[in-house]
C-alpha atoms as a PDB file:
ATOM      1  CA  MET A   1      18.088  28.339  17.915  1.00  0.00           C
ATOM      2  CA  SER A   2      17.697  24.822  19.333  1.00  0.00           C
ATOM      3  CA  ARG A   3      13.962  25.345  19.869  1.00  0.00           C
ATOM      4  CA  LEU A   4      13.592  26.296  16.215  1.00  0.00           C
ATOM      5  CA  ALA A   5      15.508  23.179  15.147  1.00  0.00           C
ATOM      6  CA  VAL A   6      13.296  20.977  17.327  1.00  0.00           C
ATOM      7  CA  LEU A   7      10.180  22.612  15.882  1.00  0.00           C
ATOM      8  CA  VAL A   8      11.396  22.030  12.320  1.00  0.00           C
ATOM      9  CA  VAL A   9      12.176  18.378  13.063  1.00  0.00           C
ATOM     10  CA  LEU A  10       8.729  17.855  14.602  1.00  0.00           C
ATOM     11  CA  LEU A  11       6.991  19.486  11.628  1.00  0.00           C
ATOM     12  CA  VAL A  12       8.940  17.356   9.152  1.00  0.00           C
ATOM     13  CA  ALA A  13       8.167  14.198  11.142  1.00  0.00           C
ATOM     14  CA  ALA A  14       4.457  15.059  11.225  1.00  0.00           C
ATOM     15  CA  PHE A  15       4.439  15.691   7.480  1.00  0.00           C
ATOM     16  CA  VAL A  16       6.221  12.417   6.666  1.00  0.00           C
ATOM     17  CA  THR A  17       3.942  10.421   8.976  1.00  0.00           C
ATOM     18  CA  GLY A  18       0.837  12.019   7.478  1.00  0.00           C
ATOM     19  CA  SER A  19       2.024  11.321   3.927  1.00  0.00           C
ATOM     20  CA  SER A  20       2.685   7.636   4.573  1.00  0.00           C
ATOM     21  CA  ALA A  21      -0.649   7.253   6.363  1.00  0.00           C
ATOM     22  CA  GLN A  22      -2.431   8.650   3.315  1.00  0.00           C
ATOM     23  CA  ARG A  23      -0.614   6.298   0.952  1.00  0.00           C
ATOM     24  CA  GLY A  24      -2.001   3.227   2.712  1.00  0.00           C
ATOM     25  CA  PRO A  25      -5.694   4.008   2.233  1.00  0.00           C
ATOM     26  CA  GLN A  26      -5.154   5.192  -1.358  1.00  0.00           C
ATOM     27  CA  LEU A  27      -3.193   2.080  -2.239  1.00  0.00           C
ATOM     28  CA  CYS A  28      -5.672  -0.199  -0.501  1.00  0.00           C
ATOM     29  CA  SER A  29      -8.674   1.186  -2.352  1.00  0.00           C
ATOM     30  CA  LEU A  30      -7.318   0.344  -5.818  1.00  0.00           C
ATOM     31  CA  PRO A  31      -9.027  -2.541  -7.643  1.00  0.00           C
ATOM     32  CA  PRO A  32      -7.042  -5.734  -8.322  1.00  0.00           C
ATOM     33  CA  ASP A  33      -5.146  -5.428 -11.613  1.00  0.00           C
ATOM     34  CA  ARG A  34      -3.399  -8.481 -13.053  1.00  0.00           C
ATOM     35  CA  GLY A  35      -1.732  -6.379 -15.783  1.00  0.00           C
ATOM     36  CA  PRO A  36      -1.393  -7.242 -19.483  1.00  0.00           C
ATOM     37  CA  CYS A  37       1.295  -9.930 -19.206  1.00  0.00           C
ATOM     38  CA  ARG A  38       0.563 -13.651 -18.986  1.00  0.00           C
ATOM     39  CA  ALA A  39       2.744 -14.886 -16.152  1.00  0.00           C
ATOM     40  CA  PHE A  40       1.155 -16.777 -13.260  1.00  0.00           C
ATOM     41  CA  VAL A  41       2.197 -15.063 -10.035  1.00  0.00           C
ATOM     42  CA  PRO A  42      -0.014 -15.887  -7.021  1.00  0.00           C
ATOM     43  CA  SER A  43      -0.525 -12.610  -5.152  1.00  0.00           C
ATOM     44  CA  PHE A  44      -2.866 -10.842  -2.736  1.00  0.00           C
ATOM     45  CA  TYR A  45      -4.833  -7.607  -2.923  1.00  0.00           C
ATOM     46  CA  PHE A  46      -6.895  -5.715  -0.364  1.00  0.00           C
ATOM     47  CA  ASP A  47     -10.625  -5.763  -1.113  1.00  0.00           C
ATOM     48  CA  SER A  48     -11.820  -2.472   0.368  1.00  0.00           C
ATOM     49  CA  SER A  49     -15.515  -3.413   0.200  1.00  0.00           C
ATOM     50  CA  SER A  50     -15.103  -6.526   2.367  1.00  0.00           C
ATOM     51  CA  ARG A  51     -12.039  -5.130   4.219  1.00  0.00           C
ATOM     52  CA  THR A  52     -10.132  -8.393   3.658  1.00  0.00           C
ATOM     53  CA  CYS A  53      -7.073  -9.526   1.749  1.00  0.00           C
ATOM     54  CA  ARG A  54      -7.926 -11.811  -1.156  1.00  0.00           C
ATOM     55  CA  ASP A  55      -5.819 -13.856  -3.507  1.00  0.00           C
ATOM     56  CA  PHE A  56      -5.527 -13.209  -7.241  1.00  0.00           C
ATOM     57  CA  ILE A  57      -3.169 -14.066 -10.068  1.00  0.00           C
ATOM     58  CA  TYR A  58      -0.804 -11.292 -11.140  1.00  0.00           C
ATOM     59  CA  GLY A  59       0.328 -11.410 -14.765  1.00  0.00           C
ATOM     60  CA  GLY A  60       3.889 -10.294 -14.004  1.00  0.00           C
ATOM     61  CA  CYS A  61       3.974  -6.734 -15.369  1.00  0.00           C
ATOM     62  CA  GLN A  62       2.321  -3.364 -14.838  1.00  0.00           C
ATOM     63  CA  GLY A  63      -0.827  -3.700 -12.698  1.00  0.00           C
ATOM     64  CA  ASN A  64      -1.077  -1.356  -9.712  1.00  0.00           C
ATOM     65  CA  ALA A  65       0.274  -0.984  -6.185  1.00  0.00           C
ATOM     66  CA  ASN A  66      -2.528  -2.968  -4.497  1.00  0.00           C
ATOM     67  CA  ARG A  67      -0.546  -6.192  -4.885  1.00  0.00           C
ATOM     68  CA  PHE A  68       1.281  -8.114  -2.185  1.00  0.00           C
ATOM     69  CA  LYS A  69       3.426 -11.247  -2.146  1.00  0.00           C
ATOM     70  CA  THR A  70       1.896 -12.511   1.090  1.00  0.00           C
ATOM     71  CA  ARG A  71      -1.412 -12.212   2.932  1.00  0.00           C
ATOM     72  CA  ARG A  72       0.507 -11.008   5.990  1.00  0.00           C
ATOM     73  CA  GLN A  73       2.059  -8.142   4.008  1.00  0.00           C
ATOM     74  CA  CYS A  74      -1.403  -7.191   2.694  1.00  0.00           C
ATOM     75  CA  GLN A  75      -2.928  -7.254   6.173  1.00  0.00           C
ATOM     76  CA  SER A  76      -0.137  -5.250   7.773  1.00  0.00           C
ATOM     77  CA  THR A  77      -0.383  -2.582   5.061  1.00  0.00           C
ATOM     78  CA  CYS A  78      -4.143  -2.314   4.615  1.00  0.00           C
ATOM     79  CA  GLY A  79      -6.029  -4.419   7.119  1.00  0.00           C
END
């Protein structure tokens, strides 16, 4: 029974790790989206064509998930 439990734990861990690894590339390939609002929130997005984090102004609402508060956060997630 303990071997089965270990196998289940390993399979779940592999699935969770694979899912989070896929989220990064999907998130990082989205285009920058300031959203429809008119706030002025300095932010960063990952530019997948140049493979760098670039700054942009977020409008404060909606947009997409390719938006980071700091360049370091952008680089650690996507770069």
